[in-house]
Amino acid sequence: MRTEAENKATYYVYCVNHFARRFNLSPKDSFNYLFQYGGLEYLDEFYDVEHLLSFSDAINDLIVICKNNGGYLQ
């Protein structure tokens, strides 16, 4: 059985990759952007709710969070 930490890590990887595809970024650039503008911190803090949403909804939430923290992708 997987631990919660493993489940979170898998979810973060999926979110980073979906975000990368949405904005035609490399996974590394996507990770760096989400880290810099608070997206990964948001996913960690609200994992209990966010992982229940579709990836599309989660990515839309990340766009808003990052934009509110100075991000420029829309």
C-alpha atoms as a PDB file:
ATOM      1  CA  MET A   1       0.000   0.000   0.000  1.00  0.00           C
ATOM      2  CA  ARG A   2       1.208   3.498  -0.833  1.00  0.00           C
ATOM      3  CA  THR A   3       1.791   6.092   1.830  1.00  0.00           C
ATOM      4  CA  GLU A   4       0.241   9.544   1.801  1.00  0.00           C
ATOM      5  CA  ALA A   5       3.643  11.033   0.939  1.00  0.00           C
ATOM      6  CA  GLU A   6       3.895   8.763  -2.116  1.00  0.00           C
ATOM      7  CA  ASN A   7       0.362   9.694  -3.181  1.00  0.00           C
ATOM      8  CA  LYS A   8       1.166  13.404  -2.822  1.00  0.00           C
ATOM      9  CA  ALA A   9       4.398  13.070  -4.794  1.00  0.00           C
ATOM     10  CA  THR A  10       2.590  11.281  -7.610  1.00  0.00           C
ATOM     11  CA  TYR A  11      -0.120  13.949  -7.643  1.00  0.00           C
ATOM     12  CA  TYR A  12       2.456  16.760  -7.792  1.00  0.00           C
ATOM     13  CA  VAL A  13       4.195  15.085 -10.735  1.00  0.00           C
ATOM     14  CA  TYR A  14       0.889  14.767 -12.601  1.00  0.00           C
ATOM     15  CA  CYS A  15       0.024  18.416 -11.898  1.00  0.00           C
ATOM     16  CA  VAL A  16       3.444  19.657 -13.009  1.00  0.00           C
ATOM     17  CA  ASN A  17       3.184  17.622 -16.216  1.00  0.00           C
ATOM     18  CA  HIS A  18      -0.381  18.745 -16.973  1.00  0.00           C
ATOM     19  CA  PHE A  19       0.640  22.358 -16.339  1.00  0.00           C
ATOM     20  CA  ALA A  20       3.632  21.896 -18.656  1.00  0.00           C
ATOM     21  CA  ARG A  21       1.437  20.542 -21.452  1.00  0.00           C
ATOM     22  CA  ARG A  22      -1.125  23.335 -21.002  1.00  0.00           C
ATOM     23  CA  PHE A  23       1.537  26.014 -21.514  1.00  0.00           C
ATOM     24  CA  ASN A  24       3.895  24.102 -23.810  1.00  0.00           C
ATOM     25  CA  LEU A  25       6.668  24.109 -21.191  1.00  0.00           C
ATOM     26  CA  SER A  26       9.200  21.485 -20.280  1.00  0.00           C
ATOM     27  CA  PRO A  27       8.411  19.673 -17.029  1.00  0.00           C
ATOM     28  CA  LYS A  28      11.468  21.351 -15.483  1.00  0.00           C
ATOM     29  CA  ASP A  29      10.281  24.841 -16.483  1.00  0.00           C
ATOM     30  CA  SER A  30       6.798  24.019 -15.254  1.00  0.00           C
ATOM     31  CA  PHE A  31       8.164  22.870 -11.891  1.00  0.00           C
ATOM     32  CA  ASN A  32      10.338  25.987 -11.561  1.00  0.00           C
ATOM     33  CA  TYR A  33       7.427  28.296 -12.413  1.00  0.00           C
ATOM     34  CA  LEU A  34       5.067  26.598  -9.969  1.00  0.00           C
ATOM     35  CA  PHE A  35       7.746  26.656  -7.273  1.00  0.00           C
ATOM     36  CA  GLN A  36       8.592  30.319  -7.851  1.00  0.00           C
ATOM     37  CA  TYR A  37       4.998  31.558  -7.844  1.00  0.00           C
ATOM     38  CA  GLY A  38       3.588  29.467  -5.002  1.00  0.00           C
ATOM     39  CA  GLY A  39       1.765  26.790  -6.958  1.00  0.00           C
ATOM     40  CA  LEU A  40       3.552  23.860  -5.358  1.00  0.00           C
ATOM     41  CA  GLU A  41       3.103  25.321  -1.886  1.00  0.00           C
ATOM     42  CA  TYR A  42      -0.600  25.694  -2.654  1.00  0.00           C
ATOM     43  CA  LEU A  43      -0.854  22.071  -3.795  1.00  0.00           C
ATOM     44  CA  ASP A  44       0.840  20.930  -0.613  1.00  0.00           C
ATOM     45  CA  GLU A  45      -1.345  23.032   1.656  1.00  0.00           C
ATOM     46  CA  PHE A  46      -4.617  22.127  -0.043  1.00  0.00           C
ATOM     47  CA  TYR A  47      -3.828  18.607  -1.248  1.00  0.00           C
ATOM     48  CA  ASP A  48      -6.769  17.180   0.701  1.00  0.00           C
ATOM     49  CA  VAL A  49      -9.193  19.170  -1.483  1.00  0.00           C
ATOM     50  CA  GLU A  50      -7.283  19.615  -4.731  1.00  0.00           C
ATOM     51  CA  HIS A  51      -6.620  15.922  -5.355  1.00  0.00           C
ATOM     52  CA  LEU A  52     -10.361  15.344  -5.468  1.00  0.00           C
ATOM     53  CA  LEU A  53     -10.757  17.754  -8.403  1.00  0.00           C
ATOM     54  CA  SER A  54     -10.076  17.092 -12.051  1.00  0.00           C
ATOM     55  CA  PHE A  55      -6.608  17.986 -13.315  1.00  0.00           C
ATOM     56  CA  SER A  56      -8.204  20.715 -15.415  1.00  0.00           C
ATOM     57  CA  ASP A  57      -9.723  22.304 -12.308  1.00  0.00           C
ATOM     58  CA  ALA A  58      -6.467  21.927 -10.385  1.00  0.00           C
ATOM     59  CA  ILE A  59      -4.503  23.582 -13.210  1.00  0.00           C
ATOM     60  CA  ASN A  60      -7.009  26.447 -13.337  1.00  0.00           C
ATOM     61  CA  ASP A  61      -6.527  26.921  -9.585  1.00  0.00           C
ATOM     62  CA  LEU A  62      -2.750  26.925 -10.040  1.00  0.00           C
ATOM     63  CA  ILE A  63      -3.025  29.591 -12.735  1.00  0.00           C
ATOM     64  CA  VAL A  64      -4.953  31.859 -10.352  1.00  0.00           C
ATOM     65  CA  ILE A  65      -2.600  31.228  -7.425  1.00  0.00           C
ATOM     66  CA  CYS A  66       0.523  31.858  -9.504  1.00  0.00           C
ATOM     67  CA  LYS A  67      -0.967  34.968 -11.101  1.00  0.00           C
ATOM     68  CA  ASN A  68      -1.813  36.336  -7.633  1.00  0.00           C
ATOM     69  CA  ASN A  69       1.838  35.783  -6.690  1.00  0.00           C
ATOM     70  CA  GLY A  70       3.266  37.583  -9.732  1.00  0.00           C
ATOM     71  CA  GLY A  71       3.089  34.803 -12.309  1.00  0.00           C
ATOM     72  CA  TYR A  72       2.549  35.753 -15.922  1.00  0.00           C
ATOM     73  CA  LEU A  73       1.090  32.643 -17.631  1.00  0.00           C
ATOM     74  CA  GLN A  74      -2.641  32.695 -18.290  1.00  0.00           C
END
